[in-house]
């Protein structure tokens, strides 16, 4: 083989390797790890709400059901809270997680709520489908809220990371009108957490991730710029900061919880989202969790204590005056 032939062979090999790397990156992003009951049991963790013994020997009472959204049947835990006068809290997990990760939060959230609803996003946990990285999941959350028919004045949306952004977008689009939103470790645009997740896992990302996410943006939102906040078919850009600004316009309070050691979603993103929700008379609040990382806000004792204090205090502030009214069965104005 002459030198030119060798160079062409090497170039072809490199091109194939690069295409394979881009395809693998796109596959990883859209097929996150499945965290289900077996995953929890293998790690000696509670697998469903009945196994949370800190609230009693029988755990929490709950029902399992599904709802259909965009042609996919998504899995739900519908948990009875311990405070009949409290709100309904709908929790949406992050990328690579599932409703199982709601369990560390449930012992505390159930004490503050009359009902907690946790669900598996498409392509996560026990729900079929494909993860679309927040491009379309707000529509699924809307279908879920319609299904549970919760009184908006008693509805709190809560979410972590991807789920935080989905919750903010659903309200920003004026599709859900909750009493308030709790956003844990939110991020502004998709490229940032994807880059950090792959870098933390020791996977290649510099050359393949931007191309993979651009192609996914073209697929999901008809916009190659989508990973950086592109408009996606003429819609408002993905940037969660812009959606949070609409929460201020709609007078929906926003609580952002963000760890100061989060190496996936930057604290500056959480700060920017909370700040814009506070503009023009809005009620945005940022609570920085000392020592908090991306995935341990409710599993590390010191972080959990700070989260409980922040969430309970915030709920009293935005809904405490309504408790007596709720108990009387009247709908607050």
C-alpha atoms as a PDB file:
ATOM      1  CA  UNK A   1       0.000   0.000   0.000  1.00  0.00           C
ATOM      2  CA  UNK A   2       1.440   3.380  -1.001  1.00  0.00           C
ATOM      3  CA  UNK A   3       1.553   6.378   1.310  1.00  0.00           C
ATOM      4  CA  UNK A   4      -1.574   7.952  -0.174  1.00  0.00           C
ATOM      5  CA  UNK A   5      -3.547   4.767   0.243  1.00  0.00           C
ATOM      6  CA  UNK A   6      -2.409   4.479   3.841  1.00  0.00           C
ATOM      7  CA  UNK A   7      -3.418   8.057   4.575  1.00  0.00           C
ATOM      8  CA  UNK A   8      -6.839   7.520   3.020  1.00  0.00           C
ATOM      9  CA  UNK A   9      -7.339   4.351   5.069  1.00  0.00           C
ATOM     10  CA  UNK A  10      -6.347   6.134   8.261  1.00  0.00           C
ATOM     11  CA  UNK A  11      -8.629   9.060   7.431  1.00  0.00           C
ATOM     12  CA  UNK A  12     -11.524   6.722   6.765  1.00  0.00           C
ATOM     13  CA  UNK A  13     -10.873   4.936  10.051  1.00  0.00           C
ATOM     14  CA  UNK A  14     -10.775   8.205  11.964  1.00  0.00           C
ATOM     15  CA  UNK A  15     -13.985   9.381  10.287  1.00  0.00           C
ATOM     16  CA  UNK A  16     -15.771   6.155  11.195  1.00  0.00           C
ATOM     17  CA  UNK A  17     -14.482   6.367  14.770  1.00  0.00           C
ATOM     18  CA  UNK A  18     -15.649   9.977  15.049  1.00  0.00           C
ATOM     19  CA  UNK A  19     -19.105   9.227  13.665  1.00  0.00           C
ATOM     20  CA  UNK A  20     -19.383   6.295  16.068  1.00  0.00           C
ATOM     21  CA  UNK A  21     -18.343   8.561  18.957  1.00  0.00           C
ATOM     22  CA  UNK A  22     -21.014  11.133  18.049  1.00  0.00           C
ATOM     23  CA  UNK A  23     -23.663   8.416  17.681  1.00  0.00           C
ATOM     24  CA  UNK A  24     -22.709   6.875  21.028  1.00  0.00           C
ATOM     25  CA  UNK A  25     -22.873  10.276  22.735  1.00  0.00           C
ATOM     26  CA  UNK A  26     -26.352  10.931  21.319  1.00  0.00           C
ATOM     27  CA  UNK A  27     -27.486   7.452  22.389  1.00  0.00           C
ATOM     28  CA  UNK A  28     -26.219   7.972  25.963  1.00  0.00           C
ATOM     29  CA  UNK A  29     -28.048  11.291  26.260  1.00  0.00           C
ATOM     30  CA  UNK A  30     -31.361   9.916  25.022  1.00  0.00           C
ATOM     31  CA  UNK A  31     -31.109   6.552  26.846  1.00  0.00           C
ATOM     32  CA  UNK A  32     -30.227   7.454  30.452  1.00  0.00           C
ATOM     33  CA  UNK A  33     -29.644   4.832  33.167  1.00  0.00           C
ATOM     34  CA  UNK A  34     -32.775   3.068  34.413  1.00  0.00           C
ATOM     35  CA  UNK A  35     -33.280   3.538  38.145  1.00  0.00           C
ATOM     36  CA  UNK A  36     -36.133   1.296  39.231  1.00  0.00           C
ATOM     37  CA  UNK A  37     -37.126  -0.897  42.174  1.00  0.00           C
ATOM     38  CA  UNK A  38     -34.388  -3.427  41.454  1.00  0.00           C
ATOM     39  CA  UNK A  39     -31.795  -0.638  41.289  1.00  0.00           C
ATOM     40  CA  UNK A  40     -32.853   0.607  44.730  1.00  0.00           C
ATOM     41  CA  UNK A  41     -32.966  -2.840  46.336  1.00  0.00           C
ATOM     42  CA  UNK A  42     -29.499  -3.658  44.997  1.00  0.00           C
ATOM     43  CA  UNK A  43     -28.214  -0.635  46.917  1.00  0.00           C
ATOM     44  CA  UNK A  44     -30.176  -1.384  50.084  1.00  0.00           C
ATOM     45  CA  UNK A  45     -32.370   1.668  49.538  1.00  0.00           C
ATOM     46  CA  UNK A  46     -36.162   1.997  49.807  1.00  0.00           C
ATOM     47  CA  UNK A  47     -37.784   0.898  46.565  1.00  0.00           C
ATOM     48  CA  UNK A  48     -41.232   2.422  47.003  1.00  0.00           C
ATOM     49  CA  UNK A  49     -43.063   4.724  49.471  1.00  0.00           C
ATOM     50  CA  UNK A  50     -44.212   1.840  51.697  1.00  0.00           C
ATOM     51  CA  UNK A  51     -40.569   1.204  52.614  1.00  0.00           C
ATOM     52  CA  UNK A  52     -39.978   4.633  54.151  1.00  0.00           C
ATOM     53  CA  UNK A  53     -40.041   3.522  57.780  1.00  0.00           C
ATOM     54  CA  UNK A  54     -39.182   6.906  59.278  1.00  0.00           C
ATOM     55  CA  UNK A  55     -42.856   7.905  58.984  1.00  0.00           C
ATOM     56  CA  UNK A  56     -44.179   4.673  60.538  1.00  0.00           C
ATOM     57  CA  UNK A  57     -43.785   0.888  60.361  1.00  0.00           C
ATOM     58  CA  UNK A  58     -46.043   0.628  57.315  1.00  0.00           C
ATOM     59  CA  UNK A  59     -44.402   3.476  55.438  1.00  0.00           C
ATOM     60  CA  UNK A  60     -46.492   5.781  53.285  1.00  0.00           C
ATOM     61  CA  UNK A  61     -49.775   4.823  51.652  1.00  0.00           C
ATOM     62  CA  UNK A  62     -49.691   5.131  47.884  1.00  0.00           C
ATOM     63  CA  UNK A  63     -51.227   4.015  44.619  1.00  0.00           C
ATOM     64  CA  UNK A  64     -49.480   3.204  41.357  1.00  0.00           C
ATOM     65  CA  UNK A  65     -51.069   4.178  38.069  1.00  0.00           C
ATOM     66  CA  UNK A  66     -50.180   5.348  34.579  1.00  0.00           C
ATOM     67  CA  UNK A  67     -51.243   8.196  32.340  1.00  0.00           C
ATOM     68  CA  UNK A  68     -50.841   8.640  28.608  1.00  0.00           C
ATOM     69  CA  UNK A  69     -48.909  11.505  27.099  1.00  0.00           C
ATOM     70  CA  UNK A  70     -47.617  11.820  23.555  1.00  0.00           C
ATOM     71  CA  UNK A  71     -48.516   8.190  22.920  1.00  0.00           C
ATOM     72  CA  UNK A  72     -46.558   6.837  25.901  1.00  0.00           C
ATOM     73  CA  UNK A  73     -47.893   5.457  29.189  1.00  0.00           C
ATOM     74  CA  UNK A  74     -45.913   6.995  32.055  1.00  0.00           C
ATOM     75  CA  UNK A  75     -45.617   5.538  35.562  1.00  0.00           C
ATOM     76  CA  UNK A  76     -46.844   7.404  38.657  1.00  0.00           C
ATOM     77  CA  UNK A  77     -46.762   7.041  42.433  1.00  0.00           C
ATOM     78  CA  UNK A  78     -49.692   8.846  44.062  1.00  0.00           C
ATOM     79  CA  UNK A  79     -48.795   9.175  47.747  1.00  0.00           C
ATOM     80  CA  UNK A  80     -51.065  10.214  50.596  1.00  0.00           C
ATOM     81  CA  UNK A  81     -49.458  13.011  52.586  1.00  0.00           C
ATOM     82  CA  UNK A  82     -49.566  13.363  56.357  1.00  0.00           C
ATOM     83  CA  UNK A  83     -51.023  16.893  56.473  1.00  0.00           C
ATOM     84  CA  UNK A  84     -54.613  16.971  55.143  1.00  0.00           C
ATOM     85  CA  UNK A  85     -54.476  20.767  55.023  1.00  0.00           C
ATOM     86  CA  UNK A  86     -51.259  20.824  53.039  1.00  0.00           C
ATOM     87  CA  UNK A  87     -50.706  21.269  49.298  1.00  0.00           C
ATOM     88  CA  UNK A  88     -50.374  18.707  46.522  1.00  0.00           C
ATOM     89  CA  UNK A  89     -46.714  18.450  45.527  1.00  0.00           C
ATOM     90  CA  UNK A  90     -45.844  17.085  42.072  1.00  0.00           C
ATOM     91  CA  UNK A  91     -42.190  16.019  41.889  1.00  0.00           C
ATOM     92  CA  UNK A  92     -40.317  15.668  38.587  1.00  0.00           C
ATOM     93  CA  UNK A  93     -36.895  14.007  38.686  1.00  0.00           C
ATOM     94  CA  UNK A  94     -33.734  14.793  36.728  1.00  0.00           C
ATOM     95  CA  UNK A  95     -31.868  13.146  33.855  1.00  0.00           C
ATOM     96  CA  UNK A  96     -30.780   9.595  34.643  1.00  0.00           C
ATOM     97  CA  UNK A  97     -33.024   9.453  37.720  1.00  0.00           C
ATOM     98  CA  UNK A  98     -36.603   8.282  38.320  1.00  0.00           C
ATOM     99  CA  UNK A  99     -39.408   8.565  40.856  1.00  0.00           C
ATOM    100  CA  UNK A 100     -37.212   6.379  43.102  1.00  0.00           C
ATOM    101  CA  UNK A 101     -35.039   9.424  43.834  1.00  0.00           C
ATOM    102  CA  UNK A 102     -38.118  11.141  45.248  1.00  0.00           C
ATOM    103  CA  UNK A 103     -38.035   8.697  48.171  1.00  0.00           C
ATOM    104  CA  UNK A 104     -35.325  10.490  50.217  1.00  0.00           C
ATOM    105  CA  UNK A 105     -37.486  13.605  49.928  1.00  0.00           C
ATOM    106  CA  UNK A 106     -40.790  11.921  50.745  1.00  0.00           C
ATOM    107  CA  UNK A 107     -40.328  11.534  54.481  1.00  0.00           C
ATOM    108  CA  UNK A 108     -40.181  15.320  54.739  1.00  0.00           C
ATOM    109  CA  UNK A 109     -42.408  16.362  51.825  1.00  0.00           C
ATOM    110  CA  UNK A 110     -45.187  14.023  53.001  1.00  0.00           C
ATOM    111  CA  UNK A 111     -45.224  15.771  56.390  1.00  0.00           C
ATOM    112  CA  UNK A 112     -45.864  19.082  54.609  1.00  0.00           C
ATOM    113  CA  UNK A 113     -48.347  17.884  51.994  1.00  0.00           C
ATOM    114  CA  UNK A 114     -51.758  16.299  51.648  1.00  0.00           C
ATOM    115  CA  UNK A 115     -50.596  14.505  48.513  1.00  0.00           C
ATOM    116  CA  UNK A 116     -47.282  13.889  46.747  1.00  0.00           C
ATOM    117  CA  UNK A 117     -47.195  12.732  43.131  1.00  0.00           C
ATOM    118  CA  UNK A 118     -43.906  11.393  41.724  1.00  0.00           C
ATOM    119  CA  UNK A 119     -43.563  10.100  38.185  1.00  0.00           C
ATOM    120  CA  UNK A 120     -41.088   8.617  35.719  1.00  0.00           C
ATOM    121  CA  UNK A 121     -40.280  10.828  32.754  1.00  0.00           C
ATOM    122  CA  UNK A 122     -40.244   9.165  29.310  1.00  0.00           C
ATOM    123  CA  UNK A 123     -37.200   6.925  28.940  1.00  0.00           C
ATOM    124  CA  UNK A 124     -36.575   6.858  32.704  1.00  0.00           C
ATOM    125  CA  UNK A 125     -37.335   4.399  35.488  1.00  0.00           C
ATOM    126  CA  UNK A 126     -40.190   2.173  34.424  1.00  0.00           C
ATOM    127  CA  UNK A 127     -41.616   4.510  31.772  1.00  0.00           C
ATOM    128  CA  UNK A 128     -41.042   3.600  28.124  1.00  0.00           C
ATOM    129  CA  UNK A 129     -40.033   6.110  25.510  1.00  0.00           C
ATOM    130  CA  UNK A 130     -37.056   8.302  24.775  1.00  0.00           C
ATOM    131  CA  UNK A 131     -35.521  11.082  26.842  1.00  0.00           C
ATOM    132  CA  UNK A 132     -35.716  14.314  24.857  1.00  0.00           C
ATOM    133  CA  UNK A 133     -33.619  16.322  27.299  1.00  0.00           C
ATOM    134  CA  UNK A 134     -36.365  18.764  28.240  1.00  0.00           C
ATOM    135  CA  UNK A 135     -37.441  19.645  24.702  1.00  0.00           C
ATOM    136  CA  UNK A 136     -40.951  18.177  25.067  1.00  0.00           C
ATOM    137  CA  UNK A 137     -41.322  16.908  28.635  1.00  0.00           C
ATOM    138  CA  UNK A 138     -43.220  19.984  29.825  1.00  0.00           C
ATOM    139  CA  UNK A 139     -46.176  18.687  27.807  1.00  0.00           C
ATOM    140  CA  UNK A 140     -46.048  15.432  29.794  1.00  0.00           C
ATOM    141  CA  UNK A 141     -46.102  17.336  33.073  1.00  0.00           C
ATOM    142  CA  UNK A 142     -49.140  19.281  31.870  1.00  0.00           C
ATOM    143  CA  UNK A 143     -50.977  16.015  31.095  1.00  0.00           C
ATOM    144  CA  UNK A 144     -50.121  14.695  34.563  1.00  0.00           C
ATOM    145  CA  UNK A 145     -51.426  17.812  36.312  1.00  0.00           C
ATOM    146  CA  UNK A 146     -54.608  17.624  34.250  1.00  0.00           C
ATOM    147  CA  UNK A 147     -55.018  13.988  35.277  1.00  0.00           C
ATOM    148  CA  UNK A 148     -54.705  14.588  39.019  1.00  0.00           C
ATOM    149  CA  UNK A 149     -57.034  17.608  38.805  1.00  0.00           C
ATOM    150  CA  UNK A 150     -55.398  19.381  41.722  1.00  0.00           C
ATOM    151  CA  UNK A 151     -56.683  22.750  42.899  1.00  0.00           C
ATOM    152  CA  UNK A 152     -54.135  25.235  41.482  1.00  0.00           C
ATOM    153  CA  UNK A 153     -54.158  27.171  44.746  1.00  0.00           C
ATOM    154  CA  UNK A 154     -52.974  24.015  46.495  1.00  0.00           C
ATOM    155  CA  UNK A 155     -50.526  22.836  43.829  1.00  0.00           C
ATOM    156  CA  UNK A 156     -46.761  22.998  44.192  1.00  0.00           C
ATOM    157  CA  UNK A 157     -44.495  21.881  41.346  1.00  0.00           C
ATOM    158  CA  UNK A 158     -41.119  20.561  42.481  1.00  0.00           C
ATOM    159  CA  UNK A 159     -38.307  19.297  40.310  1.00  0.00           C
ATOM    160  CA  UNK A 160     -34.628  18.458  40.287  1.00  0.00           C
ATOM    161  CA  UNK A 161     -32.189  19.444  37.521  1.00  0.00           C
ATOM    162  CA  UNK A 162     -33.961  18.471  34.257  1.00  0.00           C
ATOM    163  CA  UNK A 163     -37.233  18.199  36.204  1.00  0.00           C
ATOM    164  CA  UNK A 164     -36.715  21.677  37.651  1.00  0.00           C
ATOM    165  CA  UNK A 165     -36.456  23.155  34.177  1.00  0.00           C
ATOM    166  CA  UNK A 166     -39.470  21.194  32.950  1.00  0.00           C
ATOM    167  CA  UNK A 167     -41.526  22.562  35.856  1.00  0.00           C
ATOM    168  CA  UNK A 168     -40.397  26.145  35.218  1.00  0.00           C
ATOM    169  CA  UNK A 169     -41.139  25.878  31.494  1.00  0.00           C
ATOM    170  CA  UNK A 170     -44.625  24.416  32.034  1.00  0.00           C
ATOM    171  CA  UNK A 171     -45.555  27.402  34.194  1.00  0.00           C
ATOM    172  CA  UNK A 172     -43.750  29.889  31.956  1.00  0.00           C
ATOM    173  CA  UNK A 173     -45.819  28.690  29.019  1.00  0.00           C
ATOM    174  CA  UNK A 174     -48.921  29.518  31.057  1.00  0.00           C
ATOM    175  CA  UNK A 175     -50.043  25.878  30.850  1.00  0.00           C
ATOM    176  CA  UNK A 176     -50.063  25.249  34.617  1.00  0.00           C
ATOM    177  CA  UNK A 177     -50.932  27.810  37.297  1.00  0.00           C
ATOM    178  CA  UNK A 178     -49.556  26.460  40.585  1.00  0.00           C
ATOM    179  CA  UNK A 179     -49.201  28.102  43.949  1.00  0.00           C
ATOM    180  CA  UNK A 180     -45.420  27.938  43.553  1.00  0.00           C
ATOM    181  CA  UNK A 181     -42.418  26.115  42.079  1.00  0.00           C
ATOM    182  CA  UNK A 182     -39.453  24.507  43.837  1.00  0.00           C
ATOM    183  CA  UNK A 183     -36.424  24.064  41.571  1.00  0.00           C
ATOM    184  CA  UNK A 184     -33.458  22.035  42.793  1.00  0.00           C
ATOM    185  CA  UNK A 185     -30.171  22.533  40.945  1.00  0.00           C
ATOM    186  CA  UNK A 186     -31.663  23.983  37.745  1.00  0.00           C
ATOM    187  CA  UNK A 187     -29.567  24.765  34.688  1.00  0.00           C
ATOM    188  CA  UNK A 188     -30.025  27.247  31.867  1.00  0.00           C
ATOM    189  CA  UNK A 189     -29.110  25.397  28.629  1.00  0.00           C
ATOM    190  CA  UNK A 190     -28.654  21.666  27.810  1.00  0.00           C
ATOM    191  CA  UNK A 191     -24.998  21.691  26.768  1.00  0.00           C
ATOM    192  CA  UNK A 192     -23.769  22.594  30.272  1.00  0.00           C
ATOM    193  CA  UNK A 193     -24.973  19.602  32.361  1.00  0.00           C
ATOM    194  CA  UNK A 194     -24.341  17.194  29.462  1.00  0.00           C
ATOM    195  CA  UNK A 195     -20.731  18.357  29.238  1.00  0.00           C
ATOM    196  CA  UNK A 196     -20.215  18.106  32.979  1.00  0.00           C
ATOM    197  CA  UNK A 197     -21.834  14.665  33.279  1.00  0.00           C
ATOM    198  CA  UNK A 198     -19.634  13.235  30.536  1.00  0.00           C
ATOM    199  CA  UNK A 199     -16.521  14.934  31.850  1.00  0.00           C
ATOM    200  CA  UNK A 200     -17.165  13.692  35.399  1.00  0.00           C
ATOM    201  CA  UNK A 201     -17.658  10.161  34.037  1.00  0.00           C
ATOM    202  CA  UNK A 202     -14.362  10.315  32.146  1.00  0.00           C
ATOM    203  CA  UNK A 203     -16.095  10.076  28.750  1.00  0.00           C
ATOM    204  CA  UNK A 204     -14.943  12.011  25.671  1.00  0.00           C
ATOM    205  CA  UNK A 205     -16.961  15.149  25.065  1.00  0.00           C
ATOM    206  CA  UNK A 206     -14.951  17.976  23.508  1.00  0.00           C
ATOM    207  CA  UNK A 207     -15.254  16.914  19.873  1.00  0.00           C
ATOM    208  CA  UNK A 208     -18.346  14.713  19.882  1.00  0.00           C
ATOM    209  CA  UNK A 209     -20.798  16.271  22.380  1.00  0.00           C
ATOM    210  CA  UNK A 210     -21.430  19.603  20.579  1.00  0.00           C
ATOM    211  CA  UNK A 211     -22.141  17.774  17.318  1.00  0.00           C
ATOM    212  CA  UNK A 212     -24.307  15.133  19.019  1.00  0.00           C
ATOM    213  CA  UNK A 213     -26.390  17.728  20.843  1.00  0.00           C
ATOM    214  CA  UNK A 214     -26.693  19.909  17.758  1.00  0.00           C
ATOM    215  CA  UNK A 215     -28.095  16.947  15.817  1.00  0.00           C
ATOM    216  CA  UNK A 216     -30.470  16.169  18.688  1.00  0.00           C
ATOM    217  CA  UNK A 217     -31.504  19.828  18.678  1.00  0.00           C
ATOM    218  CA  UNK A 218     -32.273  19.562  14.977  1.00  0.00           C
ATOM    219  CA  UNK A 219     -34.353  16.458  15.694  1.00  0.00           C
ATOM    220  CA  UNK A 220     -36.143  17.682  18.825  1.00  0.00           C
ATOM    221  CA  UNK A 221     -36.531  21.378  18.084  1.00  0.00           C
ATOM    222  CA  UNK A 222     -35.543  21.927  14.436  1.00  0.00           C
ATOM    223  CA  UNK A 223     -32.647  24.097  15.560  1.00  0.00           C
ATOM    224  CA  UNK A 224     -28.929  23.222  15.576  1.00  0.00           C
ATOM    225  CA  UNK A 225     -28.403  25.956  18.212  1.00  0.00           C
ATOM    226  CA  UNK A 226     -30.830  24.332  20.652  1.00  0.00           C
ATOM    227  CA  UNK A 227     -28.130  23.027  23.055  1.00  0.00           C
ATOM    228  CA  UNK A 228     -26.977  26.610  23.573  1.00  0.00           C
ATOM    229  CA  UNK A 229     -30.484  27.994  23.980  1.00  0.00           C
ATOM    230  CA  UNK A 230     -31.597  28.199  20.343  1.00  0.00           C
ATOM    231  CA  UNK A 231     -35.177  29.105  19.586  1.00  0.00           C
ATOM    232  CA  UNK A 232     -36.307  25.697  18.366  1.00  0.00           C
ATOM    233  CA  UNK A 233     -38.819  26.285  15.600  1.00  0.00           C
ATOM    234  CA  UNK A 234     -39.550  29.895  16.534  1.00  0.00           C
ATOM    235  CA  UNK A 235     -40.422  29.198  20.162  1.00  0.00           C
ATOM    236  CA  UNK A 236     -38.896  31.004  23.114  1.00  0.00           C
ATOM    237  CA  UNK A 237     -35.295  29.732  23.511  1.00  0.00           C
ATOM    238  CA  UNK A 238     -34.633  26.765  25.785  1.00  0.00           C
ATOM    239  CA  UNK A 239     -32.837  28.977  28.324  1.00  0.00           C
ATOM    240  CA  UNK A 240     -34.602  28.345  31.647  1.00  0.00           C
ATOM    241  CA  UNK A 241     -33.750  31.854  32.788  1.00  0.00           C
ATOM    242  CA  UNK A 242     -36.092  33.259  30.137  1.00  0.00           C
ATOM    243  CA  UNK A 243     -38.905  30.945  31.227  1.00  0.00           C
ATOM    244  CA  UNK A 244     -38.319  31.898  34.870  1.00  0.00           C
ATOM    245  CA  UNK A 245     -38.839  35.543  33.916  1.00  0.00           C
ATOM    246  CA  UNK A 246     -42.386  34.619  32.978  1.00  0.00           C
ATOM    247  CA  UNK A 247     -42.976  33.237  36.473  1.00  0.00           C
ATOM    248  CA  UNK A 248     -42.419  36.764  37.752  1.00  0.00           C
ATOM    249  CA  UNK A 249     -44.951  38.078  35.214  1.00  0.00           C
ATOM    250  CA  UNK A 250     -47.487  35.499  36.414  1.00  0.00           C
ATOM    251  CA  UNK A 251     -46.777  36.174  40.126  1.00  0.00           C
ATOM    252  CA  UNK A 252     -45.776  32.535  40.729  1.00  0.00           C
ATOM    253  CA  UNK A 253     -43.211  32.268  43.569  1.00  0.00           C
ATOM    254  CA  UNK A 254     -40.029  30.315  42.780  1.00  0.00           C
ATOM    255  CA  UNK A 255     -37.694  28.709  45.311  1.00  0.00           C
ATOM    256  CA  UNK A 256     -34.305  27.613  43.983  1.00  0.00           C
ATOM    257  CA  UNK A 257     -32.196  25.193  46.041  1.00  0.00           C
ATOM    258  CA  UNK A 258     -28.632  24.873  44.796  1.00  0.00           C
ATOM    259  CA  UNK A 259     -25.567  23.258  46.333  1.00  0.00           C
ATOM    260  CA  UNK A 260     -22.403  25.339  46.449  1.00  0.00           C
ATOM    261  CA  UNK A 261     -20.392  22.273  45.346  1.00  0.00           C
ATOM    262  CA  UNK A 262     -22.579  21.274  42.416  1.00  0.00           C
ATOM    263  CA  UNK A 263     -20.230  20.121  39.633  1.00  0.00           C
ATOM    264  CA  UNK A 264     -23.028  19.334  37.141  1.00  0.00           C
ATOM    265  CA  UNK A 265     -25.283  22.395  37.151  1.00  0.00           C
ATOM    266  CA  UNK A 266     -23.414  25.606  38.021  1.00  0.00           C
ATOM    267  CA  UNK A 267     -24.559  27.615  41.006  1.00  0.00           C
ATOM    268  CA  UNK A 268     -24.443  30.701  38.782  1.00  0.00           C
ATOM    269  CA  UNK A 269     -27.253  29.173  36.686  1.00  0.00           C
ATOM    270  CA  UNK A 270     -29.430  28.719  39.752  1.00  0.00           C
ATOM    271  CA  UNK A 271     -28.650  32.257  40.864  1.00  0.00           C
ATOM    272  CA  UNK A 272     -29.532  33.727  37.453  1.00  0.00           C
ATOM    273  CA  UNK A 273     -32.837  31.822  37.378  1.00  0.00           C
ATOM    274  CA  UNK A 274     -33.796  32.968  40.871  1.00  0.00           C
ATOM    275  CA  UNK A 275     -32.721  36.557  40.191  1.00  0.00           C
ATOM    276  CA  UNK A 276     -34.847  36.955  37.072  1.00  0.00           C
ATOM    277  CA  UNK A 277     -37.862  35.457  38.856  1.00  0.00           C
ATOM    278  CA  UNK A 278     -37.465  38.202  41.449  1.00  0.00           C
ATOM    279  CA  UNK A 279     -37.469  41.075  38.942  1.00  0.00           C
ATOM    280  CA  UNK A 280     -40.413  43.424  38.503  1.00  0.00           C
ATOM    281  CA  UNK A 281     -41.975  42.461  41.811  1.00  0.00           C
ATOM    282  CA  UNK A 282     -41.644  38.699  41.295  1.00  0.00           C
ATOM    283  CA  UNK A 283     -40.980  36.303  44.157  1.00  0.00           C
ATOM    284  CA  UNK A 284     -37.813  34.431  43.294  1.00  0.00           C
ATOM    285  CA  UNK A 285     -35.639  33.116  46.116  1.00  0.00           C
ATOM    286  CA  UNK A 286     -32.270  31.339  46.065  1.00  0.00           C
ATOM    287  CA  UNK A 287     -31.141  29.170  48.980  1.00  0.00           C
ATOM    288  CA  UNK A 288     -27.529  28.029  48.679  1.00  0.00           C
ATOM    289  CA  UNK A 289     -26.989  24.660  50.352  1.00  0.00           C
ATOM    290  CA  UNK A 290     -23.611  24.694  52.099  1.00  0.00           C
ATOM    291  CA  UNK A 291     -21.628  21.597  51.126  1.00  0.00           C
ATOM    292  CA  UNK A 292     -24.381  20.507  48.749  1.00  0.00           C
ATOM    293  CA  UNK A 293     -23.491  18.633  45.574  1.00  0.00           C
ATOM    294  CA  UNK A 294     -25.712  17.801  42.628  1.00  0.00           C
ATOM    295  CA  UNK A 295     -27.112  14.495  43.852  1.00  0.00           C
ATOM    296  CA  UNK A 296     -26.878  14.649  47.631  1.00  0.00           C
ATOM    297  CA  UNK A 297     -29.138  17.529  48.630  1.00  0.00           C
ATOM    298  CA  UNK A 298     -31.574  15.115  50.305  1.00  0.00           C
ATOM    299  CA  UNK A 299     -29.282  12.178  51.057  1.00  0.00           C
ATOM    300  CA  UNK A 300     -26.562  13.926  53.077  1.00  0.00           C
ATOM    301  CA  UNK A 301     -27.696  14.840  56.586  1.00  0.00           C
ATOM    302  CA  UNK A 302     -26.380  18.411  56.653  1.00  0.00           C
ATOM    303  CA  UNK A 303     -27.734  19.205  53.185  1.00  0.00           C
ATOM    304  CA  UNK A 304     -31.116  17.621  53.919  1.00  0.00           C
ATOM    305  CA  UNK A 305     -31.495  19.694  57.095  1.00  0.00           C
ATOM    306  CA  UNK A 306     -30.941  22.882  55.096  1.00  0.00           C
ATOM    307  CA  UNK A 307     -33.373  21.777  52.367  1.00  0.00           C
ATOM    308  CA  UNK A 308     -36.093  20.904  54.884  1.00  0.00           C
ATOM    309  CA  UNK A 309     -35.757  24.269  56.613  1.00  0.00           C
ATOM    310  CA  UNK A 310     -35.844  26.128  53.290  1.00  0.00           C
ATOM    311  CA  UNK A 311     -38.819  24.245  51.836  1.00  0.00           C
ATOM    312  CA  UNK A 312     -40.925  24.259  54.999  1.00  0.00           C
ATOM    313  CA  UNK A 313     -40.275  27.953  55.621  1.00  0.00           C
ATOM    314  CA  UNK A 314     -41.050  28.831  52.007  1.00  0.00           C
ATOM    315  CA  UNK A 315     -44.316  26.845  52.044  1.00  0.00           C
ATOM    316  CA  UNK A 316     -45.421  28.637  55.192  1.00  0.00           C
ATOM    317  CA  UNK A 317     -44.541  31.978  53.598  1.00  0.00           C
ATOM    318  CA  UNK A 318     -46.420  31.438  50.336  1.00  0.00           C
ATOM    319  CA  UNK A 319     -49.248  29.224  51.582  1.00  0.00           C
ATOM    320  CA  UNK A 320     -49.372  29.473  55.356  1.00  0.00           C
ATOM    321  CA  UNK A 321     -52.138  32.060  55.286  1.00  0.00           C
ATOM    322  CA  UNK A 322     -54.220  29.636  53.247  1.00  0.00           C
ATOM    323  CA  UNK A 323     -54.056  26.692  55.637  1.00  0.00           C
ATOM    324  CA  UNK A 324     -57.125  27.662  57.651  1.00  0.00           C
ATOM    325  CA  UNK A 325     -59.050  28.332  54.450  1.00  0.00           C
ATOM    326  CA  UNK A 326     -58.046  24.971  53.017  1.00  0.00           C
ATOM    327  CA  UNK A 327     -59.101  23.213  56.186  1.00  0.00           C
ATOM    328  CA  UNK A 328     -62.512  24.822  55.915  1.00  0.00           C
ATOM    329  CA  UNK A 329     -62.874  23.479  52.393  1.00  0.00           C
ATOM    330  CA  UNK A 330     -63.045  26.918  50.779  1.00  0.00           C
ATOM    331  CA  UNK A 331     -61.019  27.813  47.707  1.00  0.00           C
ATOM    332  CA  UNK A 332     -58.631  30.722  48.328  1.00  0.00           C
ATOM    333  CA  UNK A 333     -59.097  33.749  46.111  1.00  0.00           C
END
